[in-house]
Amino acid sequence: MAKLTTEEKAANDWWMSRFDGKHYKTITLYQHRTVVQTYTTANADYSDFEDARDALMVARRFGIAVTSVSVDGIRFKQIKGITRRIANNS
């Protein structure tokens, strides 16, 4: 494994400082009813809406086909370019 540069170490330190270790959210990406990916946020600093909007944007940017996302059990989807809350997971 290659050693990290000073810049890479600084970036890692900055990123790890964002984690609070206690308060985070679970994001799940869906393609219809199939789970595409699940991950957690670093902290709970942003609203569920902001987390959903960003998850949809990043998925689209990286070519991941999703129809909706769940933020801690609350479902959102993009309708005509606007992120909207659609349901709660049961």
N, C-alpha and C. Protein backbone atom coordinates (compact mmCIF):
# COMPACT_ATOMS: atom_id res chain seq x y z
N MET A 1 0.83 -1.18 0.00
CA MET A 1 0.00 0.00 0.00
C MET A 1 0.88 1.25 0.00
N ALA A 2 0.53 2.21 -0.82
CA ALA A 2 1.31 3.45 -0.92
C ALA A 2 1.04 4.34 0.29
N LYS A 3 2.05 5.10 0.66
CA LYS A 3 1.89 6.05 1.76
C LYS A 3 1.10 7.25 1.27
N LEU A 4 0.32 7.82 2.18
CA LEU A 4 -0.49 8.99 1.84
C LEU A 4 0.38 10.24 1.82
N THR A 5 0.04 11.14 0.92
CA THR A 5 0.73 12.42 0.88
C THR A 5 0.22 13.29 2.03
N THR A 6 0.88 14.38 2.28
CA THR A 6 0.46 15.32 3.32
C THR A 6 -0.95 15.83 3.03
N GLU A 7 -1.25 16.12 1.75
CA GLU A 7 -2.57 16.62 1.37
C GLU A 7 -3.65 15.56 1.61
N GLU A 8 -3.33 14.30 1.28
CA GLU A 8 -4.29 13.21 1.49
C GLU A 8 -4.55 12.99 2.98
N LYS A 9 -3.50 13.07 3.78
CA LYS A 9 -3.67 12.93 5.24
C LYS A 9 -4.54 14.04 5.79
N ALA A 10 -4.32 15.27 5.30
CA ALA A 10 -5.12 16.41 5.76
C ALA A 10 -6.58 16.23 5.36
N ALA A 11 -6.81 15.74 4.14
CA ALA A 11 -8.19 15.51 3.69
C ALA A 11 -8.85 14.42 4.53
N ASN A 12 -8.14 13.35 4.83
CA ASN A 12 -8.69 12.29 5.67
C ASN A 12 -9.00 12.81 7.07
N ASP A 13 -8.09 13.60 7.64
CA ASP A 13 -8.33 14.17 8.97
C ASP A 13 -9.56 15.06 8.97
N TRP A 14 -9.70 15.87 7.93
CA TRP A 14 -10.88 16.74 7.83
C TRP A 14 -12.15 15.90 7.76
N TRP A 15 -12.15 14.87 6.88
CA TRP A 15 -13.34 14.04 6.70
C TRP A 15 -13.69 13.31 8.00
N MET A 16 -12.72 12.73 8.65
CA MET A 16 -12.98 11.99 9.88
C MET A 16 -13.47 12.92 11.00
N SER A 17 -13.09 14.18 10.96
CA SER A 17 -13.56 15.14 11.98
C SER A 17 -15.05 15.43 11.82
N ARG A 18 -15.63 15.12 10.66
CA ARG A 18 -17.05 15.35 10.41
C ARG A 18 -17.93 14.33 11.11
N PHE A 19 -17.37 13.15 11.42
CA PHE A 19 -18.14 12.09 12.06
C PHE A 19 -18.32 12.40 13.53
N ASP A 20 -19.56 12.35 14.00
CA ASP A 20 -19.75 12.57 15.43
C ASP A 20 -19.89 11.25 16.18
N GLY A 21 -20.04 10.14 15.47
CA GLY A 21 -20.03 8.83 16.09
C GLY A 21 -21.32 8.40 16.75
N LYS A 22 -22.24 9.33 16.99
CA LYS A 22 -23.48 8.98 17.69
C LYS A 22 -24.72 9.30 16.87
N HIS A 23 -24.66 10.37 16.13
CA HIS A 23 -25.82 10.84 15.40
C HIS A 23 -25.55 10.80 13.90
N TYR A 24 -26.18 9.87 13.23
CA TYR A 24 -26.04 9.75 11.79
C TYR A 24 -27.34 9.20 11.23
N LYS A 25 -27.47 9.20 9.93
CA LYS A 25 -28.69 8.71 9.28
C LYS A 25 -28.34 7.60 8.30
N THR A 26 -29.30 6.73 8.07
CA THR A 26 -29.13 5.66 7.10
C THR A 26 -29.84 6.07 5.81
N ILE A 27 -29.10 6.06 4.72
CA ILE A 27 -29.63 6.39 3.40
C ILE A 27 -29.73 5.10 2.60
N THR A 28 -30.89 4.86 1.99
CA THR A 28 -31.07 3.69 1.14
C THR A 28 -31.53 4.16 -0.23
N LEU A 29 -30.86 3.68 -1.27
CA LEU A 29 -31.23 4.00 -2.65
C LEU A 29 -32.06 2.85 -3.19
N TYR A 30 -33.16 3.17 -3.88
CA TYR A 30 -34.07 2.16 -4.43
C TYR A 30 -34.22 2.32 -5.94
N GLN A 31 -34.30 1.21 -6.63
CA GLN A 31 -34.76 1.16 -8.02
C GLN A 31 -36.07 0.40 -7.95
N HIS A 32 -37.16 1.12 -7.97
CA HIS A 32 -38.50 0.61 -7.68
C HIS A 32 -38.49 0.00 -6.28
N ARG A 33 -38.71 -1.28 -6.09
CA ARG A 33 -38.71 -1.86 -4.74
C ARG A 33 -37.42 -2.57 -4.39
N THR A 34 -36.45 -2.53 -5.29
CA THR A 34 -35.17 -3.20 -5.06
C THR A 34 -34.16 -2.23 -4.45
N VAL A 35 -33.52 -2.67 -3.37
CA VAL A 35 -32.49 -1.84 -2.74
C VAL A 35 -31.24 -1.87 -3.61
N VAL A 36 -30.77 -0.69 -3.98
CA VAL A 36 -29.57 -0.55 -4.80
C VAL A 36 -28.34 -0.44 -3.91
N GLN A 37 -28.44 0.39 -2.88
CA GLN A 37 -27.31 0.63 -1.99
C GLN A 37 -27.80 1.22 -0.68
N THR A 38 -27.11 0.91 0.40
CA THR A 38 -27.41 1.50 1.70
C THR A 38 -26.10 2.01 2.29
N TYR A 39 -26.14 3.21 2.87
CA TYR A 39 -24.96 3.77 3.52
C TYR A 39 -25.40 4.72 4.62
N THR A 40 -24.47 5.19 5.41
CA THR A 40 -24.80 6.13 6.48
C THR A 40 -24.13 7.47 6.22
N THR A 41 -24.73 8.50 6.79
CA THR A 41 -24.13 9.82 6.73
C THR A 41 -23.08 9.93 7.83
N ALA A 42 -22.28 10.96 7.78
CA ALA A 42 -21.25 11.17 8.79
C ALA A 42 -21.84 11.74 10.08
N ASN A 43 -22.94 12.46 9.95
CA ASN A 43 -23.56 13.11 11.11
C ASN A 43 -25.01 13.43 10.75
N ALA A 44 -25.72 14.03 11.65
CA ALA A 44 -27.12 14.37 11.41
C ALA A 44 -27.32 15.88 11.31
N ASP A 45 -26.33 16.57 10.77
CA ASP A 45 -26.38 18.03 10.70
C ASP A 45 -27.38 18.58 9.69
N TYR A 46 -27.75 17.78 8.69
CA TYR A 46 -28.63 18.26 7.63
C TYR A 46 -30.03 17.66 7.78
N SER A 47 -31.01 18.33 7.19
CA SER A 47 -32.38 17.82 7.27
C SER A 47 -32.52 16.57 6.41
N ASP A 48 -33.58 15.81 6.66
CA ASP A 48 -33.86 14.62 5.86
C ASP A 48 -34.03 15.01 4.39
N PHE A 49 -34.70 16.12 4.15
CA PHE A 49 -34.91 16.60 2.78
C PHE A 49 -33.56 16.88 2.10
N GLU A 50 -32.66 17.58 2.79
CA GLU A 50 -31.35 17.89 2.20
C GLU A 50 -30.56 16.62 1.91
N ASP A 51 -30.60 15.66 2.84
CA ASP A 51 -29.90 14.39 2.61
C ASP A 51 -30.50 13.64 1.43
N ALA A 52 -31.81 13.63 1.30
CA ALA A 52 -32.47 12.95 0.18
C ALA A 52 -32.13 13.63 -1.15
N ARG A 53 -32.21 14.95 -1.17
CA ARG A 53 -31.89 15.70 -2.39
C ARG A 53 -30.46 15.42 -2.84
N ASP A 54 -29.53 15.43 -1.90
CA ASP A 54 -28.14 15.19 -2.24
C ASP A 54 -27.90 13.75 -2.68
N ALA A 55 -28.57 12.79 -2.04
CA ALA A 55 -28.43 11.39 -2.44
C ALA A 55 -28.93 11.17 -3.86
N LEU A 56 -30.05 11.78 -4.21
CA LEU A 56 -30.58 11.67 -5.57
C LEU A 56 -29.64 12.33 -6.58
N MET A 57 -29.09 13.49 -6.22
CA MET A 57 -28.19 14.19 -7.12
C MET A 57 -26.90 13.39 -7.35
N VAL A 58 -26.33 12.85 -6.29
CA VAL A 58 -25.08 12.09 -6.43
C VAL A 58 -25.32 10.81 -7.22
N ALA A 59 -26.44 10.12 -6.96
CA ALA A 59 -26.75 8.91 -7.72
C ALA A 59 -26.85 9.23 -9.21
N ARG A 60 -27.55 10.30 -9.54
CA ARG A 60 -27.70 10.70 -10.94
C ARG A 60 -26.33 11.06 -11.54
N ARG A 61 -25.53 11.79 -10.79
CA ARG A 61 -24.21 12.22 -11.26
C ARG A 61 -23.31 11.04 -11.59
N PHE A 62 -23.43 9.95 -10.80
CA PHE A 62 -22.58 8.78 -11.00
C PHE A 62 -23.26 7.69 -11.81
N GLY A 63 -24.40 8.00 -12.40
CA GLY A 63 -25.06 7.06 -13.29
C GLY A 63 -25.72 5.88 -12.59
N ILE A 64 -26.07 6.04 -11.32
CA ILE A 64 -26.76 4.99 -10.58
C ILE A 64 -28.26 5.21 -10.74
N ALA A 65 -28.94 4.24 -11.36
CA ALA A 65 -30.37 4.38 -11.60
C ALA A 65 -31.16 4.13 -10.32
N VAL A 66 -31.81 5.18 -9.81
CA VAL A 66 -32.67 5.05 -8.63
C VAL A 66 -33.99 5.75 -8.91
N THR A 67 -35.05 5.21 -8.31
CA THR A 67 -36.36 5.84 -8.44
C THR A 67 -36.76 6.58 -7.18
N SER A 68 -36.14 6.20 -6.04
CA SER A 68 -36.42 6.90 -4.79
C SER A 68 -35.30 6.63 -3.79
N VAL A 69 -35.30 7.41 -2.71
CA VAL A 69 -34.34 7.20 -1.62
C VAL A 69 -35.10 7.21 -0.30
N SER A 70 -34.50 6.59 0.68
CA SER A 70 -35.06 6.58 2.03
C SER A 70 -34.02 7.19 2.96
N VAL A 71 -34.47 8.10 3.81
CA VAL A 71 -33.61 8.70 4.83
C VAL A 71 -34.22 8.31 6.17
N ASP A 72 -33.57 7.39 6.87
CA ASP A 72 -34.09 6.87 8.14
C ASP A 72 -35.56 6.47 8.04
N GLY A 73 -35.92 5.80 6.95
CA GLY A 73 -37.27 5.27 6.81
C GLY A 73 -38.26 6.20 6.14
N ILE A 74 -37.87 7.41 5.81
CA ILE A 74 -38.76 8.35 5.13
C ILE A 74 -38.37 8.38 3.66
N ARG A 75 -39.32 8.08 2.78
CA ARG A 75 -39.03 7.97 1.35
C ARG A 75 -39.21 9.30 0.64
N PHE A 76 -38.32 9.54 -0.32
CA PHE A 76 -38.34 10.73 -1.16
C PHE A 76 -38.11 10.30 -2.60
N LYS A 77 -38.62 11.09 -3.54
CA LYS A 77 -38.29 10.88 -4.94
C LYS A 77 -38.29 12.22 -5.64
N GLN A 78 -37.71 12.23 -6.82
CA GLN A 78 -37.66 13.45 -7.62
C GLN A 78 -38.83 13.41 -8.60
N ILE A 79 -39.67 14.43 -8.54
CA ILE A 79 -40.81 14.55 -9.44
C ILE A 79 -40.69 15.88 -10.16
N LYS A 80 -40.52 15.80 -11.49
CA LYS A 80 -40.33 16.99 -12.32
C LYS A 80 -39.21 17.89 -11.78
N GLY A 81 -38.11 17.26 -11.36
CA GLY A 81 -36.95 18.00 -10.90
C GLY A 81 -37.01 18.50 -9.48
N ILE A 82 -38.09 18.20 -8.77
CA ILE A 82 -38.25 18.66 -7.39
C ILE A 82 -38.27 17.44 -6.47
N THR A 83 -37.46 17.48 -5.40
CA THR A 83 -37.44 16.39 -4.43
C THR A 83 -38.66 16.51 -3.54
N ARG A 84 -39.40 15.40 -3.44
CA ARG A 84 -40.63 15.39 -2.64
C ARG A 84 -40.68 14.18 -1.73
N ARG A 85 -41.25 14.38 -0.55
CA ARG A 85 -41.48 13.27 0.37
C ARG A 85 -42.66 12.48 -0.16
N ILE A 86 -42.52 11.13 -0.22
CA ILE A 86 -43.61 10.34 -0.76
C ILE A 86 -44.22 9.37 0.23
N ALA A 87 -43.45 8.87 1.21
CA ALA A 87 -44.01 7.87 2.12
C ALA A 87 -43.00 7.54 3.22
N ASN A 88 -43.47 6.76 4.16
CA ASN A 88 -42.60 6.18 5.18
C ASN A 88 -42.47 4.69 4.89
N ASN A 89 -41.30 4.13 5.15
CA ASN A 89 -41.14 2.67 5.01
C ASN A 89 -41.89 1.99 6.13
N SER A 90 -42.44 0.85 5.83
CA SER A 90 -43.13 0.10 6.89
C SER A 90 -42.43 -1.20 7.14
